[in-house]
Amino acid sequence: MIKKRDPNQEDKKTWEDYINNPSGIYDKDQGTSKNINRKERYKFDLHGFTLIEANNKVSEIIKYCIKNKFKELLLITGKGIHSTNDKDAYISKRLGKLKYSVPEFIKTSSELSQLVISINDAEKKDGGEGAIVIKLKNL
């Protein structure tokens, strides 16, 4: 069994200097000029929109986000943690119309699908099942 040796004072000083000034680390996120001007996230709430209105608005928003260099789009669709659909026996407790129709609209649109990297459910803190996150291409 090999016993590890304790670092000497010179090794400790070298390590502390490096920690205080890590100039040798390449930051891949800052290394490309394309990413410098990109904004993180655009958020829009689709509550109250009909399917057709929502699809038209989503198309408009995606184009706006690409033009204004957003990395992703958070769409609030409903059916989240505050949904009251469980009080109506004639409404599905699991399905929200916009949550499923909006991603399908994007995927079937040749224009929009070329602008999108992925479409996923949002994290719970961002709306959970009542929201979707659309990652956008950097054009």
N, C-alpha and C. Protein backbone atom coordinates (compact mmCIF):
# COMPACT_ATOMS: atom_id res chain seq x y z
N MET A 1 0.84 -1.17 0.00
CA MET A 1 0.00 0.00 0.00
C MET A 1 0.89 1.25 0.00
N ILE A 2 0.59 2.15 -0.92
CA ILE A 2 1.39 3.37 -1.03
C ILE A 2 0.71 4.47 -0.21
N LYS A 3 1.49 5.08 0.62
CA LYS A 3 0.99 6.15 1.46
C LYS A 3 1.17 7.48 0.73
N LYS A 4 0.11 8.29 0.71
CA LYS A 4 0.21 9.62 0.10
C LYS A 4 1.05 10.51 1.00
N ARG A 5 1.87 11.31 0.36
CA ARG A 5 2.70 12.23 1.14
C ARG A 5 1.98 13.56 1.29
N ASP A 6 2.25 14.22 2.35
CA ASP A 6 1.68 15.53 2.57
C ASP A 6 2.35 16.52 1.63
N PRO A 7 1.57 17.45 1.06
CA PRO A 7 2.18 18.44 0.17
C PRO A 7 3.13 19.35 0.94
N ASN A 8 4.20 19.71 0.29
CA ASN A 8 5.14 20.62 0.95
C ASN A 8 4.65 22.06 0.79
N GLN A 9 5.36 22.98 1.39
CA GLN A 9 4.95 24.38 1.38
C GLN A 9 4.95 24.96 -0.04
N GLU A 10 5.91 24.54 -0.86
CA GLU A 10 5.97 25.05 -2.24
C GLU A 10 4.75 24.59 -3.03
N ASP A 11 4.33 23.31 -2.88
CA ASP A 11 3.14 22.81 -3.56
C ASP A 11 1.88 23.54 -3.11
N LYS A 12 1.78 23.79 -1.80
CA LYS A 12 0.63 24.51 -1.27
C LYS A 12 0.55 25.92 -1.84
N LYS A 13 1.70 26.60 -1.89
CA LYS A 13 1.72 27.96 -2.42
C LYS A 13 1.34 27.98 -3.90
N THR A 14 1.86 27.04 -4.67
CA THR A 14 1.53 26.96 -6.10
C THR A 14 0.03 26.75 -6.27
N TRP A 15 -0.53 25.86 -5.48
CA TRP A 15 -1.96 25.58 -5.57
C TRP A 15 -2.79 26.80 -5.17
N GLU A 16 -2.45 27.47 -4.11
CA GLU A 16 -3.18 28.66 -3.67
C GLU A 16 -3.09 29.78 -4.69
N ASP A 17 -1.93 29.96 -5.30
CA ASP A 17 -1.78 30.97 -6.35
C ASP A 17 -2.69 30.65 -7.53
N TYR A 18 -2.73 29.39 -7.89
CA TYR A 18 -3.57 28.98 -9.02
C TYR A 18 -5.05 29.19 -8.71
N ILE A 19 -5.47 28.83 -7.51
CA ILE A 19 -6.88 29.00 -7.11
C ILE A 19 -7.26 30.48 -7.14
N ASN A 20 -6.37 31.34 -6.69
CA ASN A 20 -6.66 32.77 -6.66
C ASN A 20 -6.65 33.41 -8.04
N ASN A 21 -5.92 32.83 -8.98
CA ASN A 21 -5.82 33.38 -10.33
C ASN A 21 -5.73 32.23 -11.34
N PRO A 22 -6.87 31.58 -11.64
CA PRO A 22 -6.83 30.42 -12.56
C PRO A 22 -6.78 30.85 -14.02
N SER A 23 -5.71 31.49 -14.41
CA SER A 23 -5.60 32.04 -15.76
C SER A 23 -5.46 30.97 -16.84
N GLY A 24 -5.13 29.75 -16.45
CA GLY A 24 -4.95 28.71 -17.45
C GLY A 24 -6.22 27.98 -17.83
N ILE A 25 -7.35 28.33 -17.24
CA ILE A 25 -8.61 27.65 -17.54
C ILE A 25 -9.31 28.36 -18.69
N TYR A 26 -9.72 27.57 -19.69
CA TYR A 26 -10.44 28.11 -20.84
C TYR A 26 -11.93 28.03 -20.56
N ASP A 27 -12.63 29.14 -20.62
CA ASP A 27 -14.08 29.18 -20.41
C ASP A 27 -14.76 29.05 -21.76
N LYS A 28 -15.30 27.86 -22.04
CA LYS A 28 -15.89 27.60 -23.36
C LYS A 28 -17.11 28.48 -23.62
N ASP A 29 -17.82 28.89 -22.58
CA ASP A 29 -18.99 29.73 -22.78
C ASP A 29 -18.61 31.16 -23.17
N GLN A 30 -17.47 31.61 -22.73
CA GLN A 30 -17.04 32.97 -23.06
C GLN A 30 -16.09 32.99 -24.25
N GLY A 31 -15.66 31.82 -24.68
CA GLY A 31 -14.63 31.73 -25.71
C GLY A 31 -15.10 32.04 -27.11
N THR A 32 -16.40 31.95 -27.38
CA THR A 32 -16.88 32.21 -28.73
C THR A 32 -17.63 33.53 -28.75
N SER A 33 -17.41 34.30 -29.78
CA SER A 33 -18.05 35.61 -29.87
C SER A 33 -19.55 35.48 -30.11
N LYS A 34 -20.01 34.34 -30.63
CA LYS A 34 -21.44 34.16 -30.87
C LYS A 34 -22.24 34.19 -29.58
N ASN A 35 -21.69 33.64 -28.50
CA ASN A 35 -22.44 33.52 -27.26
C ASN A 35 -22.42 34.77 -26.40
N ILE A 36 -21.54 35.69 -26.66
CA ILE A 36 -21.38 36.86 -25.80
C ILE A 36 -22.66 37.69 -25.73
N ASN A 37 -23.34 37.87 -26.85
CA ASN A 37 -24.51 38.73 -26.89
C ASN A 37 -25.83 37.98 -26.77
N ARG A 38 -25.80 36.69 -26.47
CA ARG A 38 -27.04 35.92 -26.35
C ARG A 38 -27.65 36.09 -24.97
N LYS A 39 -28.94 36.30 -24.94
CA LYS A 39 -29.68 36.42 -23.70
C LYS A 39 -30.15 35.03 -23.27
N GLU A 40 -30.39 34.85 -22.00
CA GLU A 40 -30.73 33.52 -21.48
C GLU A 40 -32.13 33.06 -21.89
N ARG A 41 -33.16 33.69 -21.36
CA ARG A 41 -34.51 33.13 -21.51
C ARG A 41 -35.56 34.22 -21.71
N TYR A 42 -36.49 33.93 -22.60
CA TYR A 42 -37.67 34.76 -22.80
C TYR A 42 -38.85 33.98 -22.24
N LYS A 43 -39.73 34.64 -21.51
CA LYS A 43 -40.86 33.96 -20.87
C LYS A 43 -42.16 34.55 -21.37
N PHE A 44 -43.13 33.66 -21.68
CA PHE A 44 -44.43 34.14 -22.14
C PHE A 44 -45.52 33.22 -21.61
N ASP A 45 -46.62 33.82 -21.16
CA ASP A 45 -47.75 33.07 -20.61
C ASP A 45 -48.86 32.97 -21.66
N LEU A 46 -49.25 31.75 -22.00
CA LEU A 46 -50.27 31.52 -23.02
C LEU A 46 -51.67 31.31 -22.44
N HIS A 47 -51.85 31.53 -21.14
CA HIS A 47 -53.18 31.38 -20.54
C HIS A 47 -54.18 32.27 -21.27
N GLY A 48 -55.35 31.72 -21.56
CA GLY A 48 -56.42 32.50 -22.18
C GLY A 48 -56.40 32.49 -23.70
N PHE A 49 -55.34 31.93 -24.31
CA PHE A 49 -55.27 31.86 -25.76
C PHE A 49 -56.00 30.62 -26.27
N THR A 50 -56.69 30.73 -27.41
CA THR A 50 -57.24 29.56 -28.07
C THR A 50 -56.07 28.83 -28.73
N LEU A 51 -56.32 27.62 -29.24
CA LEU A 51 -55.25 26.88 -29.91
C LEU A 51 -54.67 27.66 -31.09
N ILE A 52 -55.52 28.21 -31.90
CA ILE A 52 -55.06 28.96 -33.09
C ILE A 52 -54.31 30.22 -32.66
N GLU A 53 -54.85 30.95 -31.69
CA GLU A 53 -54.17 32.16 -31.21
C GLU A 53 -52.81 31.81 -30.60
N ALA A 54 -52.77 30.72 -29.84
CA ALA A 54 -51.52 30.31 -29.20
C ALA A 54 -50.49 29.93 -30.24
N ASN A 55 -50.88 29.17 -31.24
CA ASN A 55 -49.94 28.77 -32.28
C ASN A 55 -49.39 29.97 -33.04
N ASN A 56 -50.25 30.91 -33.36
CA ASN A 56 -49.80 32.13 -34.05
C ASN A 56 -48.85 32.94 -33.17
N LYS A 57 -49.18 33.03 -31.89
CA LYS A 57 -48.34 33.79 -30.96
C LYS A 57 -46.99 33.10 -30.78
N VAL A 58 -46.98 31.78 -30.66
CA VAL A 58 -45.74 31.02 -30.49
C VAL A 58 -44.84 31.22 -31.70
N SER A 59 -45.41 31.19 -32.89
CA SER A 59 -44.63 31.43 -34.11
C SER A 59 -43.98 32.81 -34.06
N GLU A 60 -44.76 33.80 -33.69
CA GLU A 60 -44.26 35.18 -33.57
C GLU A 60 -43.16 35.28 -32.51
N ILE A 61 -43.36 34.64 -31.37
CA ILE A 61 -42.40 34.72 -30.27
C ILE A 61 -41.09 34.03 -30.63
N ILE A 62 -41.16 32.86 -31.25
CA ILE A 62 -39.94 32.14 -31.63
C ILE A 62 -39.11 32.99 -32.59
N LYS A 63 -39.75 33.59 -33.57
CA LYS A 63 -39.03 34.45 -34.52
C LYS A 63 -38.41 35.66 -33.80
N TYR A 64 -39.16 36.24 -32.87
CA TYR A 64 -38.66 37.37 -32.08
C TYR A 64 -37.44 36.94 -31.27
N CYS A 65 -37.53 35.78 -30.63
CA CYS A 65 -36.44 35.30 -29.77
C CYS A 65 -35.18 35.00 -30.59
N ILE A 66 -35.33 34.42 -31.76
CA ILE A 66 -34.18 34.16 -32.63
C ILE A 66 -33.54 35.49 -33.04
N LYS A 67 -34.37 36.43 -33.46
CA LYS A 67 -33.87 37.74 -33.89
C LYS A 67 -33.13 38.46 -32.77
N ASN A 68 -33.63 38.30 -31.53
CA ASN A 68 -33.05 39.00 -30.39
C ASN A 68 -32.10 38.14 -29.57
N LYS A 69 -31.69 37.02 -30.15
CA LYS A 69 -30.62 36.17 -29.62
C LYS A 69 -30.89 35.59 -28.23
N PHE A 70 -32.10 35.09 -27.99
CA PHE A 70 -32.39 34.38 -26.76
C PHE A 70 -31.98 32.92 -26.92
N LYS A 71 -31.49 32.30 -25.85
CA LYS A 71 -31.09 30.90 -25.88
C LYS A 71 -32.29 29.97 -25.75
N GLU A 72 -33.28 30.41 -24.97
CA GLU A 72 -34.44 29.55 -24.77
C GLU A 72 -35.69 30.37 -24.49
N LEU A 73 -36.81 29.67 -24.64
CA LEU A 73 -38.12 30.27 -24.47
C LEU A 73 -38.90 29.43 -23.47
N LEU A 74 -39.42 30.06 -22.44
CA LEU A 74 -40.27 29.39 -21.46
C LEU A 74 -41.71 29.79 -21.75
N LEU A 75 -42.53 28.80 -22.12
CA LEU A 75 -43.94 29.05 -22.40
C LEU A 75 -44.78 28.46 -21.28
N ILE A 76 -45.58 29.30 -20.65
CA ILE A 76 -46.51 28.85 -19.63
C ILE A 76 -47.77 28.43 -20.37
N THR A 77 -48.13 27.15 -20.25
CA THR A 77 -49.28 26.62 -21.00
C THR A 77 -50.46 26.31 -20.11
N GLY A 78 -50.26 26.20 -18.83
CA GLY A 78 -51.33 25.80 -17.92
C GLY A 78 -51.17 24.35 -17.54
N LYS A 79 -52.07 23.85 -16.73
CA LYS A 79 -52.03 22.48 -16.22
C LYS A 79 -50.86 22.27 -15.28
N GLY A 80 -50.50 23.32 -14.60
CA GLY A 80 -49.38 23.22 -13.67
C GLY A 80 -49.86 22.92 -12.27
N ILE A 81 -49.08 23.32 -11.30
CA ILE A 81 -49.38 22.99 -9.91
C ILE A 81 -50.60 23.75 -9.38
N HIS A 82 -51.03 24.81 -10.06
CA HIS A 82 -52.19 25.58 -9.59
C HIS A 82 -53.45 25.28 -10.40
N SER A 83 -53.43 24.28 -11.26
CA SER A 83 -54.57 23.96 -12.10
C SER A 83 -55.76 23.51 -11.26
N THR A 84 -56.96 23.91 -11.67
CA THR A 84 -58.18 23.50 -10.97
C THR A 84 -59.03 22.57 -11.82
N ASN A 85 -58.46 21.95 -12.84
CA ASN A 85 -59.21 21.05 -13.70
C ASN A 85 -59.75 19.84 -12.96
N ASP A 86 -59.17 19.49 -11.83
CA ASP A 86 -59.63 18.32 -11.10
C ASP A 86 -61.00 18.55 -10.47
N LYS A 87 -61.51 19.79 -10.49
CA LYS A 87 -62.83 20.07 -9.93
C LYS A 87 -63.94 19.83 -10.94
N ASP A 88 -63.61 19.64 -12.22
CA ASP A 88 -64.60 19.41 -13.26
C ASP A 88 -64.45 18.00 -13.79
N ALA A 89 -65.50 17.19 -13.62
CA ALA A 89 -65.46 15.77 -14.02
C ALA A 89 -65.33 15.61 -15.53
N TYR A 90 -65.66 16.64 -16.31
CA TYR A 90 -65.63 16.53 -17.76
C TYR A 90 -64.34 17.04 -18.40
N ILE A 91 -63.41 17.46 -17.59
CA ILE A 91 -62.11 17.94 -18.09
C ILE A 91 -61.04 16.96 -17.66
N SER A 92 -60.15 16.63 -18.56
CA SER A 92 -59.07 15.70 -18.23
C SER A 92 -58.20 16.27 -17.13
N LYS A 93 -57.88 15.43 -16.17
CA LYS A 93 -57.01 15.86 -15.06
C LYS A 93 -55.55 15.83 -15.47
N ARG A 94 -55.22 15.13 -16.57
CA ARG A 94 -53.83 14.97 -16.95
C ARG A 94 -53.44 15.78 -18.19
N LEU A 95 -54.40 16.15 -19.00
CA LEU A 95 -54.06 16.77 -20.27
C LEU A 95 -54.44 18.24 -20.32
N GLY A 96 -53.52 19.07 -20.75
CA GLY A 96 -53.77 20.47 -21.03
C GLY A 96 -53.63 20.64 -22.54
N LYS A 97 -54.56 21.30 -23.16
CA LYS A 97 -54.55 21.40 -24.63
C LYS A 97 -53.27 22.03 -25.18
N LEU A 98 -52.89 23.19 -24.63
CA LEU A 98 -51.74 23.90 -25.18
C LEU A 98 -50.43 23.17 -24.93
N LYS A 99 -50.33 22.48 -23.83
CA LYS A 99 -49.09 21.76 -23.48
C LYS A 99 -48.71 20.77 -24.57
N TYR A 100 -49.70 20.17 -25.21
CA TYR A 100 -49.42 19.18 -26.24
C TYR A 100 -49.55 19.72 -27.66
N SER A 101 -50.46 20.66 -27.85
CA SER A 101 -50.66 21.17 -29.22
C SER A 101 -49.54 22.11 -29.67
N VAL A 102 -49.00 22.92 -28.77
CA VAL A 102 -47.95 23.86 -29.14
C VAL A 102 -46.68 23.13 -29.61
N PRO A 103 -46.17 22.14 -28.85
CA PRO A 103 -44.99 21.41 -29.35
C PRO A 103 -45.26 20.71 -30.69
N GLU A 104 -46.46 20.17 -30.84
CA GLU A 104 -46.80 19.49 -32.10
C GLU A 104 -46.83 20.50 -33.25
N PHE A 105 -47.38 21.68 -32.99
CA PHE A 105 -47.41 22.74 -34.00
C PHE A 105 -45.99 23.11 -34.44
N ILE A 106 -45.08 23.25 -33.48
CA ILE A 106 -43.70 23.62 -33.78
C ILE A 106 -43.02 22.52 -34.60
N LYS A 107 -43.20 21.27 -34.16
CA LYS A 107 -42.55 20.14 -34.85
C LYS A 107 -43.04 19.97 -36.28
N THR A 108 -44.31 20.26 -36.52
CA THR A 108 -44.87 20.07 -37.86
C THR A 108 -44.70 21.29 -38.76
N SER A 109 -44.23 22.38 -38.21
CA SER A 109 -43.97 23.57 -39.02
C SER A 109 -42.53 23.52 -39.53
N SER A 110 -42.36 23.44 -40.84
CA SER A 110 -41.00 23.36 -41.38
C SER A 110 -40.19 24.60 -41.04
N GLU A 111 -40.84 25.74 -40.99
CA GLU A 111 -40.14 27.00 -40.67
C GLU A 111 -39.68 27.02 -39.21
N LEU A 112 -40.58 26.69 -38.30
CA LEU A 112 -40.26 26.77 -36.87
C LEU A 112 -39.35 25.64 -36.41
N SER A 113 -39.55 24.44 -36.92
CA SER A 113 -38.74 23.30 -36.47
C SER A 113 -37.26 23.50 -36.79
N GLN A 114 -36.95 24.31 -37.79
CA GLN A 114 -35.56 24.60 -38.14
C GLN A 114 -34.91 25.57 -37.15
N LEU A 115 -35.71 26.23 -36.34
CA LEU A 115 -35.20 27.22 -35.39
C LEU A 115 -35.04 26.67 -33.98
N VAL A 116 -35.53 25.44 -33.77
CA VAL A 116 -35.61 24.86 -32.43
C VAL A 116 -34.67 23.68 -32.28
N ILE A 117 -33.97 23.64 -31.15
CA ILE A 117 -33.09 22.51 -30.82
C ILE A 117 -33.90 21.43 -30.12
N SER A 118 -34.67 21.84 -29.08
CA SER A 118 -35.43 20.86 -28.31
C SER A 118 -36.63 21.51 -27.64
N ILE A 119 -37.61 20.66 -27.28
CA ILE A 119 -38.79 21.09 -26.54
C ILE A 119 -38.95 20.11 -25.38
N ASN A 120 -38.96 20.63 -24.15
CA ASN A 120 -39.05 19.79 -22.96
C ASN A 120 -39.99 20.40 -21.94
N ASP A 121 -40.46 19.56 -21.00
CA ASP A 121 -41.21 20.07 -19.87
C ASP A 121 -40.30 20.95 -19.03
N ALA A 122 -40.89 21.96 -18.44
CA ALA A 122 -40.11 22.86 -17.57
C ALA A 122 -39.84 22.19 -16.24
N GLU A 123 -38.82 22.67 -15.56
CA GLU A 123 -38.56 22.22 -14.20
C GLU A 123 -39.69 22.72 -13.30
N LYS A 124 -39.86 22.08 -12.18
CA LYS A 124 -40.95 22.43 -11.27
C LYS A 124 -40.92 23.91 -10.89
N LYS A 125 -39.72 24.46 -10.64
CA LYS A 125 -39.59 25.86 -10.24
C LYS A 125 -40.04 26.83 -11.34
N ASP A 126 -40.07 26.35 -12.60
CA ASP A 126 -40.45 27.19 -13.74
C ASP A 126 -41.88 26.93 -14.21
N GLY A 127 -42.61 26.07 -13.51
CA GLY A 127 -43.99 25.79 -13.89
C GLY A 127 -44.29 24.31 -14.04
N GLY A 128 -43.27 23.49 -14.01
CA GLY A 128 -43.46 22.04 -14.07
C GLY A 128 -44.26 21.59 -15.27
N GLU A 129 -45.28 20.80 -15.01
CA GLU A 129 -46.11 20.26 -16.08
C GLU A 129 -46.92 21.33 -16.79
N GLY A 130 -46.99 22.51 -16.23
CA GLY A 130 -47.77 23.59 -16.83
C GLY A 130 -46.94 24.52 -17.69
N ALA A 131 -45.73 24.09 -18.05
CA ALA A 131 -44.87 24.95 -18.87
C ALA A 131 -43.93 24.09 -19.70
N ILE A 132 -43.47 24.67 -20.79
CA ILE A 132 -42.48 23.99 -21.63
C ILE A 132 -41.30 24.92 -21.89
N VAL A 133 -40.12 24.32 -22.05
CA VAL A 133 -38.91 25.07 -22.36
C VAL A 133 -38.49 24.69 -23.77
N ILE A 134 -38.32 25.70 -24.60
CA ILE A 134 -37.89 25.51 -25.98
C ILE A 134 -36.50 26.07 -26.12
N LYS A 135 -35.54 25.22 -26.42
CA LYS A 135 -34.15 25.65 -26.65
C LYS A 135 -34.04 26.06 -28.10
N LEU A 136 -33.46 27.23 -28.34
CA LEU A 136 -33.40 27.82 -29.68
C LEU A 136 -32.01 27.76 -30.28
N LYS A 137 -31.97 27.63 -31.59
CA LYS A 137 -30.71 27.62 -32.29
C LYS A 137 -30.11 29.02 -32.31
N ASN A 138 -28.80 29.07 -32.40
CA ASN A 138 -28.08 30.33 -32.47
C ASN A 138 -27.81 30.63 -33.95
N LEU A 139 -28.66 31.45 -34.53
CA LEU A 139 -28.50 31.76 -35.97
C LEU A 139 -27.90 33.14 -36.18
